[in-house]
PDB file of N, CA and C in Angstrom:
ATOM      1  N   MET A   1     -16.566 -16.256 -50.389  1.00  0.00           N
ATOM      2  CA  MET A   1     -16.044 -14.558 -49.739  1.00  0.00           C
ATOM      3  C   MET A   1     -16.182 -14.757 -48.195  1.00  0.00           C
ATOM      4  N   THR A   2     -15.300 -13.991 -47.619  1.00  0.00           N
ATOM      5  CA  THR A   2     -15.673 -14.079 -46.227  1.00  0.00           C
ATOM      6  C   THR A   2     -15.535 -12.806 -45.733  1.00  0.00           C
ATOM      7  N   PRO A   3     -15.883 -12.292 -44.672  1.00  0.00           N
ATOM      8  CA  PRO A   3     -16.221 -10.811 -43.788  1.00  0.00           C
ATOM      9  C   PRO A   3     -14.764 -10.154 -43.803  1.00  0.00           C
ATOM     10  N   PHE A   4     -14.162 -10.447 -43.563  1.00  0.00           N
ATOM     11  CA  PHE A   4     -12.481 -10.143 -43.769  1.00  0.00           C
ATOM     12  C   PHE A   4     -12.419  -9.783 -45.016  1.00  0.00           C
ATOM     13  N   GLY A   5     -12.747 -10.633 -46.131  1.00  0.00           N
ATOM     14  CA  GLY A   5     -12.390 -10.492 -47.573  1.00  0.00           C
ATOM     15  C   GLY A   5     -13.067  -9.282 -48.180  1.00  0.00           C
ATOM     16  N   VAL A   6     -14.317  -9.374 -48.073  1.00  0.00           N
ATOM     17  CA  VAL A   6     -15.158  -8.427 -48.600  1.00  0.00           C
ATOM     18  C   VAL A   6     -14.474  -7.133 -47.961  1.00  0.00           C
ATOM     19  N   LYS A   7     -14.275  -6.938 -46.737  1.00  0.00           N
ATOM     20  CA  LYS A   7     -13.592  -5.304 -45.805  1.00  0.00           C
ATOM     21  C   LYS A   7     -12.271  -5.180 -46.741  1.00  0.00           C
ATOM     22  N   LEU A   8     -11.680  -5.818 -46.687  1.00  0.00           N
ATOM     23  CA  LEU A   8     -10.212  -5.740 -47.485  1.00  0.00           C
ATOM     24  C   LEU A   8     -10.562  -5.236 -48.637  1.00  0.00           C
ATOM     25  N   ARG A   9     -11.087  -5.816 -49.683  1.00  0.00           N
ATOM     26  CA  ARG A   9     -11.771  -5.389 -50.822  1.00  0.00           C
ATOM     27  C   ARG A   9     -12.054  -3.959 -50.854  1.00  0.00           C
ATOM     28  N   GLU A  10     -12.914  -3.918 -49.992  1.00  0.00           N
ATOM     29  CA  GLU A  10     -13.431  -2.331 -50.267  1.00  0.00           C
ATOM     30  C   GLU A  10     -12.894  -1.123 -49.909  1.00  0.00           C
ATOM     31  N   MET A  11     -11.652  -1.369 -48.964  1.00  0.00           N
ATOM     32  CA  MET A  11     -10.922  -0.441 -48.390  1.00  0.00           C
ATOM     33  C   MET A  11      -9.855  -0.789 -49.373  1.00  0.00           C
ATOM     34  N   ARG A  12      -9.765  -1.527 -50.136  1.00  0.00           N
ATOM     35  CA  ARG A  12      -8.525  -1.573 -51.256  1.00  0.00           C
ATOM     36  C   ARG A  12      -8.916  -0.712 -52.392  1.00  0.00           C
ATOM     37  N   ALA A  13     -10.225  -0.625 -52.775  1.00  0.00           N
ATOM     38  CA  ALA A  13     -11.207   0.009 -53.837  1.00  0.00           C
ATOM     39  C   ALA A  13     -10.797   1.476 -53.358  1.00  0.00           C
ATOM     40  N   ALA A  14     -11.046   1.732 -52.085  1.00  0.00           N
ATOM     41  CA  ALA A  14     -11.155   2.936 -51.859  1.00  0.00           C
ATOM     42  C   ALA A  14     -10.151   3.700 -51.747  1.00  0.00           C
ATOM     43  N   LYS A  15      -9.123   2.926 -51.863  1.00  0.00           N
ATOM     44  CA  LYS A  15      -7.898   3.848 -51.675  1.00  0.00           C
ATOM     45  C   LYS A  15      -7.149   3.959 -53.197  1.00  0.00           C
ATOM     46  N   GLY A  16      -7.730   3.192 -53.831  1.00  0.00           N
ATOM     47  CA  GLY A  16      -7.060   3.017 -55.426  1.00  0.00           C
ATOM     48  C   GLY A  16      -6.247   2.302 -55.422  1.00  0.00           C
ATOM     49  N   ALA A  17      -5.921   1.308 -54.764  1.00  0.00           N
ATOM     50  CA  ALA A  17      -4.739   0.351 -54.952  1.00  0.00           C
ATOM     51  C   ALA A  17      -5.069  -0.664 -55.661  1.00  0.00           C
ATOM     52  N   THR A  18      -4.255  -1.268 -57.118  1.00  0.00           N
ATOM     53  CA  THR A  18      -3.917  -2.403 -57.243  1.00  0.00           C
ATOM     54  C   THR A  18      -3.865  -3.598 -56.350  1.00  0.00           C
ATOM     55  N   LEU A  19      -4.376  -4.801 -56.363  1.00  0.00           N
ATOM     56  CA  LEU A  19      -3.812  -6.243 -55.991  1.00  0.00           C
ATOM     57  C   LEU A  19      -2.783  -6.017 -56.153  1.00  0.00           C
ATOM     58  N   LYS A  20      -1.895  -5.777 -56.972  1.00  0.00           N
ATOM     59  CA  LYS A  20      -0.543  -6.204 -57.332  1.00  0.00           C
ATOM     60  C   LYS A  20       0.284  -5.130 -56.393  1.00  0.00           C
ATOM     61  N   GLU A  21      -0.493  -3.647 -56.463  1.00  0.00           N
ATOM     62  CA  GLU A  21       0.607  -2.961 -55.577  1.00  0.00           C
ATOM     63  C   GLU A  21       0.558  -3.102 -53.866  1.00  0.00           C
ATOM     64  N   MET A  22      -0.827  -3.437 -53.632  1.00  0.00           N
ATOM     65  CA  MET A  22      -0.973  -3.666 -52.198  1.00  0.00           C
ATOM     66  C   MET A  22      -0.280  -5.186 -51.903  1.00  0.00           C
ATOM     67  N   ALA A  23      -0.072  -5.948 -52.037  1.00  0.00           N
ATOM     68  CA  ALA A  23       0.330  -7.309 -52.394  1.00  0.00           C
ATOM     69  C   ALA A  23       2.058  -6.813 -51.978  1.00  0.00           C
ATOM     70  N   LYS A  24       2.215  -5.924 -52.997  1.00  0.00           N
ATOM     71  CA  LYS A  24       4.231  -5.507 -52.940  1.00  0.00           C
ATOM     72  C   LYS A  24       4.364  -4.680 -51.755  1.00  0.00           C
ATOM     73  N   ALA A  25       3.259  -3.900 -51.007  1.00  0.00           N
ATOM     74  CA  ALA A  25       3.304  -2.869 -50.364  1.00  0.00           C
ATOM     75  C   ALA A  25       3.427  -4.250 -48.900  1.00  0.00           C
ATOM     76  N   LEU A  26       2.713  -5.100 -48.932  1.00  0.00           N
ATOM     77  CA  LEU A  26       2.567  -6.021 -47.807  1.00  0.00           C
ATOM     78  C   LEU A  26       3.752  -6.932 -47.461  1.00  0.00           C
ATOM     79  N   LEU A  27       4.376  -7.230 -48.891  1.00  0.00           N
ATOM     80  CA  LEU A  27       5.284  -7.895 -49.195  1.00  0.00           C
ATOM     81  C   LEU A  27       4.689  -9.777 -49.092  1.00  0.00           C
ATOM     82  N   VAL A  28       3.578  -9.770 -49.317  1.00  0.00           N
ATOM     83  CA  VAL A  28       2.735 -10.812 -50.158  1.00  0.00           C
ATOM     84  C   VAL A  28       3.106 -11.133 -51.570  1.00  0.00           C
ATOM     85  N   SER A  29       2.109 -12.195 -51.813  1.00  0.00           N
ATOM     86  CA  SER A  29       2.125 -12.269 -52.885  1.00  0.00           C
ATOM     87  C   SER A  29       0.589 -11.618 -53.707  1.00  0.00           C
ATOM     88  N   SER A  30       0.254 -11.576 -54.765  1.00  0.00           N
ATOM     89  CA  SER A  30      -0.691 -10.988 -55.267  1.00  0.00           C
ATOM     90  C   SER A  30      -1.817 -12.134 -55.383  1.00  0.00           C
ATOM     91  N   ALA A  31      -1.245 -13.425 -55.272  1.00  0.00           N
ATOM     92  CA  ALA A  31      -2.543 -14.640 -55.487  1.00  0.00           C
ATOM     93  C   ALA A  31      -2.588 -14.851 -53.824  1.00  0.00           C
ATOM     94  N   TYR A  32      -1.942 -14.517 -52.921  1.00  0.00           N
ATOM     95  CA  TYR A  32      -2.106 -15.345 -51.544  1.00  0.00           C
ATOM     96  C   TYR A  32      -2.921 -13.717 -51.616  1.00  0.00           C
ATOM     97  N   LEU A  33      -2.927 -12.266 -51.814  1.00  0.00           N
ATOM     98  CA  LEU A  33      -3.792 -11.654 -51.483  1.00  0.00           C
ATOM     99  C   LEU A  33      -5.193 -11.599 -52.020  1.00  0.00           C
ATOM    100  N   SER A  34      -5.235 -12.134 -53.244  1.00  0.00           N
ATOM    101  CA  SER A  34      -6.423 -12.343 -53.487  1.00  0.00           C
ATOM    102  C   SER A  34      -6.965 -13.552 -53.080  1.00  0.00           C
ATOM    103  N   ALA A  35      -6.026 -14.844 -52.941  1.00  0.00           N
ATOM    104  CA  ALA A  35      -6.869 -15.627 -52.107  1.00  0.00           C
ATOM    105  C   ALA A  35      -7.771 -15.143 -50.720  1.00  0.00           C
ATOM    106  N   LEU A  36      -6.809 -14.459 -50.115  1.00  0.00           N
ATOM    107  CA  LEU A  36      -7.386 -13.621 -48.916  1.00  0.00           C
ATOM    108  C   LEU A  36      -8.897 -12.684 -49.197  1.00  0.00           C
ATOM    109  N   GLU A  37      -8.747 -12.080 -50.121  1.00  0.00           N
ATOM    110  CA  GLU A  37      -9.915 -11.547 -50.399  1.00  0.00           C
ATOM    111  C   GLU A  37     -11.061 -12.150 -51.183  1.00  0.00           C
ATOM    112  N   HIS A  38     -10.870 -13.466 -51.516  1.00  0.00           N
ATOM    113  CA  HIS A  38     -12.001 -14.149 -51.773  1.00  0.00           C
ATOM    114  C   HIS A  38     -12.279 -14.946 -51.041  1.00  0.00           C
ATOM    115  N   GLY A  39     -11.680 -15.411 -49.975  1.00  0.00           N
ATOM    116  CA  GLY A  39     -12.241 -16.238 -48.744  1.00  0.00           C
ATOM    117  C   GLY A  39     -11.421 -17.830 -49.275  1.00  0.00           C
ATOM    118  N   ARG A  40     -10.274 -17.822 -50.228  1.00  0.00           N
ATOM    119  CA  ARG A  40      -9.962 -19.091 -50.150  1.00  0.00           C
ATOM    120  C   ARG A  40      -8.549 -19.490 -49.186  1.00  0.00           C
ATOM    121  N   ARG A  41      -8.467 -18.765 -48.266  1.00  0.00           N
ATOM    122  CA  ARG A  41      -7.134 -18.941 -47.613  1.00  0.00           C
ATOM    123  C   ARG A  41      -8.228 -18.640 -46.160  1.00  0.00           C
ATOM    124  N   GLY A  42      -7.136 -18.758 -45.200  1.00  0.00           N
ATOM    125  CA  GLY A  42      -7.609 -19.063 -43.650  1.00  0.00           C
ATOM    126  C   GLY A  42      -7.300 -17.553 -43.284  1.00  0.00           C
ATOM    127  N   ARG A  43      -7.597 -17.099 -42.134  1.00  0.00           N
ATOM    128  CA  ARG A  43      -7.494 -15.747 -41.215  1.00  0.00           C
ATOM    129  C   ARG A  43      -6.160 -15.404 -41.506  1.00  0.00           C
ATOM    130  N   PRO A  44      -5.971 -14.169 -41.901  1.00  0.00           N
ATOM    131  CA  PRO A  44      -4.041 -13.816 -41.759  1.00  0.00           C
ATOM    132  C   PRO A  44      -3.819 -13.680 -40.240  1.00  0.00           C
ATOM    133  N   SER A  45      -2.753 -14.004 -40.316  1.00  0.00           N
ATOM    134  CA  SER A  45      -1.824 -13.650 -39.207  1.00  0.00           C
ATOM    135  C   SER A  45      -2.039 -12.334 -38.387  1.00  0.00           C
ATOM    136  N   ARG A  46      -1.351 -12.068 -37.194  1.00  0.00           N
ATOM    137  CA  ARG A  46      -1.978 -11.136 -36.396  1.00  0.00           C
ATOM    138  C   ARG A  46      -0.738 -10.029 -37.062  1.00  0.00           C
ATOM    139  N   ALA A  47       0.296 -10.632 -37.404  1.00  0.00           N
ATOM    140  CA  ALA A  47       1.431  -9.762 -38.230  1.00  0.00           C
ATOM    141  C   ALA A  47       1.107  -8.961 -39.302  1.00  0.00           C
ATOM    142  N   LEU A  48       0.504  -9.778 -39.909  1.00  0.00           N
ATOM    143  CA  LEU A  48       0.146  -9.256 -41.446  1.00  0.00           C
ATOM    144  C   LEU A  48      -1.408  -8.397 -41.476  1.00  0.00           C
ATOM    145  N   LEU A  49      -1.943  -8.542 -40.282  1.00  0.00           N
ATOM    146  CA  LEU A  49      -3.304  -7.784 -39.774  1.00  0.00           C
ATOM    147  C   LEU A  49      -2.754  -6.644 -39.764  1.00  0.00           C
ATOM    148  N   PHE A  50      -1.945  -6.295 -38.670  1.00  0.00           N
ATOM    149  CA  PHE A  50      -1.020  -5.269 -38.337  1.00  0.00           C
ATOM    150  C   PHE A  50      -0.195  -4.461 -39.622  1.00  0.00           C
ATOM    151  N   ASP A  51       0.051  -5.142 -40.347  1.00  0.00           N
ATOM    152  CA  ASP A  51       0.830  -4.423 -41.729  1.00  0.00           C
ATOM    153  C   ASP A  51      -0.314  -4.097 -42.530  1.00  0.00           C
ATOM    154  N   ILE A  52      -1.283  -4.767 -42.361  1.00  0.00           N
ATOM    155  CA  ILE A  52      -2.647  -4.315 -43.444  1.00  0.00           C
ATOM    156  C   ILE A  52      -3.235  -2.828 -42.707  1.00  0.00           C
ATOM    157  N   CYS A  53      -3.266  -3.041 -41.155  1.00  0.00           N
ATOM    158  CA  CYS A  53      -3.769  -1.676 -40.545  1.00  0.00           C
ATOM    159  C   CYS A  53      -2.676  -0.482 -40.975  1.00  0.00           C
ATOM    160  N   THR A  54      -1.607  -0.909 -40.802  1.00  0.00           N
ATOM    161  CA  THR A  54      -0.572   0.375 -41.440  1.00  0.00           C
ATOM    162  C   THR A  54      -0.379   0.518 -42.619  1.00  0.00           C
ATOM    163  N   TYR A  55      -0.654   0.265 -43.720  1.00  0.00           N
ATOM    164  CA  TYR A  55      -1.030   0.164 -44.937  1.00  0.00           C
ATOM    165  C   TYR A  55      -1.891   1.483 -45.413  1.00  0.00           C
ATOM    166  N   PHE A  56      -3.260   0.938 -44.529  1.00  0.00           N
ATOM    167  CA  PHE A  56      -4.464   1.616 -44.704  1.00  0.00           C
ATOM    168  C   PHE A  56      -4.629   3.038 -43.759  1.00  0.00           C
ATOM    169  N   ASN A  57      -3.576   3.067 -42.774  1.00  0.00           N
ATOM    170  CA  ASN A  57      -3.709   4.016 -41.689  1.00  0.00           C
ATOM    171  C   ASN A  57      -4.478   3.928 -41.057  1.00  0.00           C
ATOM    172  N   ILE A  58      -5.121   2.851 -40.337  1.00  0.00           N
ATOM    173  CA  ILE A  58      -6.173   2.844 -39.588  1.00  0.00           C
ATOM    174  C   ILE A  58      -5.790   2.382 -38.096  1.00  0.00           C
ATOM    175  N   ILE A  59      -6.347   2.948 -37.096  1.00  0.00           N
ATOM    176  CA  ILE A  59      -5.893   2.789 -35.730  1.00  0.00           C
ATOM    177  C   ILE A  59      -7.285   2.767 -35.125  1.00  0.00           C
ATOM    178  N   TRP A  60      -6.872   2.308 -33.591  1.00  0.00           N
ATOM    179  CA  TRP A  60      -8.114   1.876 -32.590  1.00  0.00           C
ATOM    180  C   TRP A  60      -9.720   1.265 -33.176  1.00  0.00           C
ATOM    181  N   ASP A  61     -10.599   1.755 -33.372  1.00  0.00           N
ATOM    182  CA  ASP A  61     -11.828   1.412 -33.544  1.00  0.00           C
ATOM    183  C   ASP A  61     -11.757   0.393 -35.080  1.00  0.00           C
ATOM    184  N   GLU A  62     -11.582   1.117 -35.561  1.00  0.00           N
ATOM    185  CA  GLU A  62     -11.413   0.478 -37.679  1.00  0.00           C
ATOM    186  C   GLU A  62     -10.661  -0.747 -37.095  1.00  0.00           C
ATOM    187  N   ALA A  63      -9.431  -0.655 -36.510  1.00  0.00           N
ATOM    188  CA  ALA A  63      -8.173  -2.134 -36.570  1.00  0.00           C
ATOM    189  C   ALA A  63      -8.822  -2.938 -35.416  1.00  0.00           C
ATOM    190  N   GLU A  64      -9.514  -2.497 -34.767  1.00  0.00           N
ATOM    191  CA  GLU A  64     -10.192  -3.647 -34.105  1.00  0.00           C
ATOM    192  C   GLU A  64     -11.547  -4.226 -34.527  1.00  0.00           C
ATOM    193  N   GLU A  65     -12.305  -3.586 -35.613  1.00  0.00           N
ATOM    194  CA  GLU A  65     -13.331  -4.006 -36.364  1.00  0.00           C
ATOM    195  C   GLU A  65     -12.684  -4.875 -37.345  1.00  0.00           C
ATOM    196  N   LEU A  66     -11.693  -4.605 -37.999  1.00  0.00           N
ATOM    197  CA  LEU A  66     -10.785  -5.416 -38.791  1.00  0.00           C
ATOM    198  C   LEU A  66     -10.602  -6.770 -38.369  1.00  0.00           C
ATOM    199  N   GLU A  67      -9.800  -6.707 -37.265  1.00  0.00           N
ATOM    200  CA  GLU A  67      -9.474  -8.025 -36.448  1.00  0.00           C
ATOM    201  C   GLU A  67     -10.695  -9.027 -36.373  1.00  0.00           C
ATOM    202  N   ARG A  68     -11.689  -7.931 -35.851  1.00  0.00           N
ATOM    203  CA  ARG A  68     -13.105  -8.950 -35.448  1.00  0.00           C
ATOM    204  C   ARG A  68     -13.039  -9.862 -36.382  1.00  0.00           C
ATOM    205  N   LEU A  69     -13.864  -8.876 -37.777  1.00  0.00           N
ATOM    206  CA  LEU A  69     -13.852  -9.327 -39.126  1.00  0.00           C
ATOM    207  C   LEU A  69     -12.951 -10.853 -39.109  1.00  0.00           C
ATOM    208  N   ALA A  70     -11.578 -10.621 -39.364  1.00  0.00           N
ATOM    209  CA  ALA A  70     -10.619 -11.313 -39.344  1.00  0.00           C
ATOM    210  C   ALA A  70     -10.649 -12.879 -38.432  1.00  0.00           C
ATOM    211  N   LYS A  71     -11.323 -12.850 -37.507  1.00  0.00           N
ATOM    212  CA  LYS A  71     -11.733 -13.757 -36.304  1.00  0.00           C
ATOM    213  C   LYS A  71     -12.610 -14.712 -36.652  1.00  0.00           C
ATOM    214  N   LEU A  72     -13.669 -13.845 -37.636  1.00  0.00           N
ATOM    215  CA  LEU A  72     -15.092 -14.667 -38.348  1.00  0.00           C
ATOM    216  C   LEU A  72     -15.041 -15.013 -39.397  1.00  0.00           C
ATOM    217  N   SER A  73     -13.695 -14.947 -40.048  1.00  0.00           N
ATOM    218  CA  SER A  73     -13.416 -15.395 -41.600  1.00  0.00           C
ATOM    219  C   SER A  73     -12.970 -16.444 -41.795  1.00  0.00           C
ATOM    220  N   HIS A  74     -12.640 -17.497 -41.130  1.00  0.00           N
ATOM    221  CA  HIS A  74     -12.656 -18.745 -41.618  1.00  0.00           C
ATOM    222  C   HIS A  74     -13.103 -19.734 -42.257  1.00  0.00           C
ATOM    223  N   PRO A  75     -12.692 -19.506 -43.565  1.00  0.00           N
ATOM    224  CA  PRO A  75     -13.498 -20.425 -44.695  1.00  0.00           C
ATOM    225  C   PRO A  75     -13.816 -21.588 -43.945  1.00  0.00           C
ATOM    226  N   ARG A  76     -13.383 -22.228 -43.265  1.00  0.00           N
ATOM    227  CA  ARG A  76     -13.587 -24.015 -43.126  1.00  0.00           C
ATOM    228  C   ARG A  76     -13.991 -24.165 -41.359  1.00  0.00           C
ATOM    229  N   ALA A  77     -15.065 -23.469 -40.983  1.00  0.00           N
ATOM    230  CA  ALA A  77     -15.454 -23.074 -39.620  1.00  0.00           C
ATOM    231  C   ALA A  77     -15.596 -24.970 -39.014  1.00  0.00           C
ATOM    232  N   VAL A  78     -15.024 -24.768 -37.679  1.00  0.00           N
ATOM    233  CA  VAL A  78     -15.023 -26.344 -37.423  1.00  0.00           C
ATOM    234  C   VAL A  78     -16.113 -25.937 -35.983  1.00  0.00           C
ATOM    235  N   VAL A  79     -17.330 -26.885 -35.611  1.00  0.00           N
ATOM    236  CA  VAL A  79     -17.793 -26.660 -34.785  1.00  0.00           C
ATOM    237  C   VAL A  79     -17.624 -27.950 -33.814  1.00  0.00           C
ATOM    238  N   ASP A  80     -17.280 -27.574 -32.009  1.00  0.00           N
ATOM    239  CA  ASP A  80     -17.242 -28.611 -31.528  1.00  0.00           C
ATOM    240  C   ASP A  80     -18.450 -28.749 -30.467  1.00  0.00           C
ATOM    241  N   THR A  81     -19.156 -29.873 -30.797  1.00  0.00           N
ATOM    242  CA  THR A  81     -20.767 -29.865 -30.322  1.00  0.00           C
ATOM    243  C   THR A  81     -20.374 -30.848 -28.959  1.00  0.00           C
ATOM    244  N   ALA A  82     -19.263 -31.576 -28.384  1.00  0.00           N
ATOM    245  CA  ALA A  82     -18.746 -31.882 -27.425  1.00  0.00           C
ATOM    246  C   ALA A  82     -19.562 -31.813 -25.974  1.00  0.00           C
ATOM    247  N   GLY A  83     -19.827 -32.295 -25.238  1.00  0.00           N
ATOM    248  CA  GLY A  83     -20.730 -31.769 -24.064  1.00  0.00           C
ATOM    249  C   GLY A  83     -21.917 -31.139 -24.375  1.00  0.00           C
ATOM    250  N   LEU A  84     -22.052 -30.805 -25.377  1.00  0.00           N
ATOM    251  CA  LEU A  84     -23.593 -29.886 -26.022  1.00  0.00           C
ATOM    252  C   LEU A  84     -24.657 -31.146 -25.632  1.00  0.00           C
ATOM    253  N   SER A  85     -25.931 -30.563 -26.278  1.00  0.00           N
ATOM    254  CA  SER A  85     -27.210 -31.903 -26.325  1.00  0.00           C
ATOM    255  C   SER A  85     -27.099 -32.213 -27.755  1.00  0.00           C
ATOM    256  N   ALA A  86     -27.925 -33.084 -27.515  1.00  0.00           N
ATOM    257  CA  ALA A  86     -28.195 -33.880 -29.288  1.00  0.00           C
ATOM    258  C   ALA A  86     -28.367 -32.833 -30.185  1.00  0.00           C
ATOM    259  N   ASP A  87     -29.696 -32.149 -29.678  1.00  0.00           N
ATOM    260  CA  ASP A  87     -30.038 -31.287 -30.317  1.00  0.00           C
ATOM    261  C   ASP A  87     -29.098 -30.230 -31.223  1.00  0.00           C
ATOM    262  N   ALA A  88     -28.118 -29.596 -30.201  1.00  0.00           N
ATOM    263  CA  ALA A  88     -27.150 -28.955 -30.916  1.00  0.00           C
ATOM    264  C   ALA A  88     -26.318 -29.039 -31.621  1.00  0.00           C
ATOM    265  N   THR A  89     -25.911 -30.704 -31.626  1.00  0.00           N
ATOM    266  CA  THR A  89     -25.013 -31.463 -32.586  1.00  0.00           C
ATOM    267  C   THR A  89     -25.855 -31.776 -33.707  1.00  0.00           C
ATOM    268  N   GLU A  90     -27.006 -31.646 -33.265  1.00  0.00           N
ATOM    269  CA  GLU A  90     -28.212 -32.223 -34.958  1.00  0.00           C
ATOM    270  C   GLU A  90     -28.161 -30.822 -35.781  1.00  0.00           C
ATOM    271  N   LEU A  91     -28.058 -29.749 -34.899  1.00  0.00           N
ATOM    272  CA  LEU A  91     -28.304 -28.508 -35.816  1.00  0.00           C
ATOM    273  C   LEU A  91     -26.899 -28.122 -36.662  1.00  0.00           C
ATOM    274  N   ALA A  92     -25.804 -28.495 -35.474  1.00  0.00           N
ATOM    275  CA  ALA A  92     -24.467 -27.957 -36.277  1.00  0.00           C
ATOM    276  C   ALA A  92     -24.169 -28.834 -37.527  1.00  0.00           C
ATOM    277  N   ASN A  93     -24.744 -30.400 -37.522  1.00  0.00           N
ATOM    278  CA  ASN A  93     -24.376 -31.008 -38.516  1.00  0.00           C
ATOM    279  C   ASN A  93     -25.357 -30.358 -39.886  1.00  0.00           C
ATOM    280  N   ARG A  94     -26.494 -30.590 -39.312  1.00  0.00           N
ATOM    281  CA  ARG A  94     -27.701 -29.955 -40.552  1.00  0.00           C
ATOM    282  C   ARG A  94     -27.263 -28.631 -41.102  1.00  0.00           C
ATOM    283  N   LEU A  95     -26.694 -27.641 -40.393  1.00  0.00           N
ATOM    284  CA  LEU A  95     -26.572 -26.724 -40.853  1.00  0.00           C
ATOM    285  C   LEU A  95     -25.068 -26.741 -41.954  1.00  0.00           C
ATOM    286  N   ALA A  96     -24.070 -27.806 -41.265  1.00  0.00           N
ATOM    287  CA  ALA A  96     -23.011 -28.029 -42.457  1.00  0.00           C
ATOM    288  C   ALA A  96     -23.135 -28.703 -43.461  1.00  0.00           C
ATOM    289  N   ALA A  97     -24.326 -29.306 -43.697  1.00  0.00           N
ATOM    290  CA  ALA A  97     -25.112 -30.072 -44.647  1.00  0.00           C
ATOM    291  C   ALA A  97     -25.566 -29.774 -45.631  1.00  0.00           C
ATOM    292  N   SER A  98     -26.162 -28.204 -45.089  1.00  0.00           N
ATOM    293  CA  SER A  98     -27.316 -27.399 -46.031  1.00  0.00           C
ATOM    294  C   SER A  98     -26.609 -26.251 -46.291  1.00  0.00           C
ATOM    295  N   ILE A  99     -25.665 -25.449 -45.812  1.00  0.00           N
ATOM    296  CA  ILE A  99     -25.583 -23.985 -45.851  1.00  0.00           C
ATOM    297  C   ILE A  99     -25.153 -23.811 -47.392  1.00  0.00           C
ATOM    298  N   ALA A 100     -24.866 -24.509 -48.378  1.00  0.00           N
ATOM    299  CA  ALA A 100     -24.637 -23.976 -49.499  1.00  0.00           C
ATOM    300  C   ALA A 100     -26.200 -23.731 -49.967  1.00  0.00           C
ATOM    301  N   ASP A 101     -26.827 -24.271 -49.571  1.00  0.00           N
ATOM    302  CA  ASP A 101     -28.414 -23.952 -50.050  1.00  0.00           C
ATOM    303  C   ASP A 101     -29.167 -23.186 -49.617  1.00  0.00           C
ATOM    304  N   LEU A 102     -28.619 -22.665 -48.620  1.00  0.00           N
ATOM    305  CA  LEU A 102     -29.572 -21.549 -48.364  1.00  0.00           C
ATOM    306  C   LEU A 102     -29.846 -20.348 -48.807  1.00  0.00           C
ATOM    307  N   THR A 103     -30.680 -19.711 -48.587  1.00  0.00           N
ATOM    308  CA  THR A 103     -30.865 -18.571 -49.371  1.00  0.00           C
ATOM    309  C   THR A 103     -30.131 -17.233 -48.920  1.00  0.00           C
ATOM    310  N   ASP A 104     -29.793 -15.964 -49.513  1.00  0.00           N
ATOM    311  CA  ASP A 104     -29.123 -15.097 -48.526  1.00  0.00           C
ATOM    312  C   ASP A 104     -30.508 -14.556 -47.510  1.00  0.00           C
ATOM    313  N   GLU A 105     -31.546 -14.542 -47.817  1.00  0.00           N
ATOM    314  CA  GLU A 105     -32.218 -14.029 -46.807  1.00  0.00           C
ATOM    315  C   GLU A 105     -32.375 -15.041 -45.557  1.00  0.00           C
ATOM    316  N   THR A 106     -32.474 -16.202 -45.796  1.00  0.00           N
ATOM    317  CA  THR A 106     -32.269 -17.394 -44.768  1.00  0.00           C
ATOM    318  C   THR A 106     -31.099 -16.794 -43.761  1.00  0.00           C
ATOM    319  N   ILE A 107     -30.208 -16.760 -44.659  1.00  0.00           N
ATOM    320  CA  ILE A 107     -29.021 -16.598 -43.903  1.00  0.00           C
ATOM    321  C   ILE A 107     -28.573 -15.426 -43.048  1.00  0.00           C
ATOM    322  N   GLN A 108     -29.251 -14.258 -43.636  1.00  0.00           N
ATOM    323  CA  GLN A 108     -29.437 -12.780 -42.839  1.00  0.00           C
ATOM    324  C   GLN A 108     -30.339 -13.151 -41.507  1.00  0.00           C
ATOM    325  N   ARG A 109     -31.638 -13.855 -41.823  1.00  0.00           N
ATOM    326  CA  ARG A 109     -32.673 -14.386 -40.720  1.00  0.00           C
ATOM    327  C   ARG A 109     -31.517 -15.120 -39.420  1.00  0.00           C
ATOM    328  N   MET A 110     -30.829 -15.996 -39.991  1.00  0.00           N
ATOM    329  CA  MET A 110     -30.009 -16.918 -39.156  1.00  0.00           C
ATOM    330  C   MET A 110     -29.325 -16.107 -38.207  1.00  0.00           C
ATOM    331  N   LEU A 111     -27.975 -14.970 -39.040  1.00  0.00           N
ATOM    332  CA  LEU A 111     -27.259 -14.480 -38.425  1.00  0.00           C
ATOM    333  C   LEU A 111     -28.224 -13.342 -37.623  1.00  0.00           C
ATOM    334  N   GLU A 112     -28.932 -12.916 -37.865  1.00  0.00           N
ATOM    335  CA  GLU A 112     -29.975 -11.997 -36.765  1.00  0.00           C
ATOM    336  C   GLU A 112     -29.803 -12.520 -35.435  1.00  0.00           C
ATOM    337  N   GLN A 113     -30.719 -14.149 -35.353  1.00  0.00           N
ATOM    338  CA  GLN A 113     -30.718 -14.937 -34.237  1.00  0.00           C
ATOM    339  C   GLN A 113     -29.132 -14.840 -33.556  1.00  0.00           C
ATOM    340  N   VAL A 114     -28.100 -14.865 -33.844  1.00  0.00           N
ATOM    341  CA  VAL A 114     -26.826 -15.345 -33.433  1.00  0.00           C
ATOM    342  C   VAL A 114     -26.085 -14.325 -33.191  1.00  0.00           C
ATOM    343  N   ARG A 115     -26.141 -13.292 -33.839  1.00  0.00           N
ATOM    344  CA  ARG A 115     -25.134 -11.817 -33.623  1.00  0.00           C
ATOM    345  C   ARG A 115     -25.815 -11.297 -32.059  1.00  0.00           C
ATOM    346  N   PRO A 116     -24.271 -11.114 -31.701  1.00  0.00           N
ATOM    347  CA  PRO A 116     -24.508 -10.128 -30.190  1.00  0.00           C
ATOM    348  C   PRO A 116     -25.449  -8.893 -30.427  1.00  0.00           C
ATOM    349  N   SER A 117     -26.397  -8.812 -29.903  1.00  0.00           N
ATOM    350  CA  SER A 117     -26.960  -7.205 -29.843  1.00  0.00           C
ATOM    351  C   SER A 117     -25.812  -6.077 -29.355  1.00  0.00           C
ATOM    352  N   ILE A 118     -25.881  -4.759 -30.096  1.00  0.00           N
ATOM    353  CA  ILE A 118     -24.974  -3.762 -29.787  1.00  0.00           C
ATOM    354  C   ILE A 118     -26.137  -2.532 -28.943  1.00  0.00           C
ATOM    355  N   LYS A 119     -25.367  -2.881 -28.301  1.00  0.00           N
ATOM    356  CA  LYS A 119     -26.159  -1.465 -27.175  1.00  0.00           C
ATOM    357  C   LYS A 119     -25.474  -0.184 -26.712  1.00  0.00           C
TER     358      LYS A 119
END
């Protein structure tokens, strides 16, 4: 799953909409919408993001948060370490090789280290 997919599913459930109803309203297939929710598809286009915001009648901060989550939700992340230190390259490769084996607790601790603090 992706952060965007989790949020999308939560919003859909809160509205009481089925996958099929929402897909029809957004003019996409329910298979695509399901794949988006489950993180099997990449980020939505800006146009679809706009349509989703319209569907849920969200504006400003909530829409910006949804866009931020979409940017963080590509299921196949690529890390370019060209020009960085050997340690940075090693870290990226070790993380790529072992991420599936990390516990949720370890992932949360790592996220705390890399998320920007909100002031």
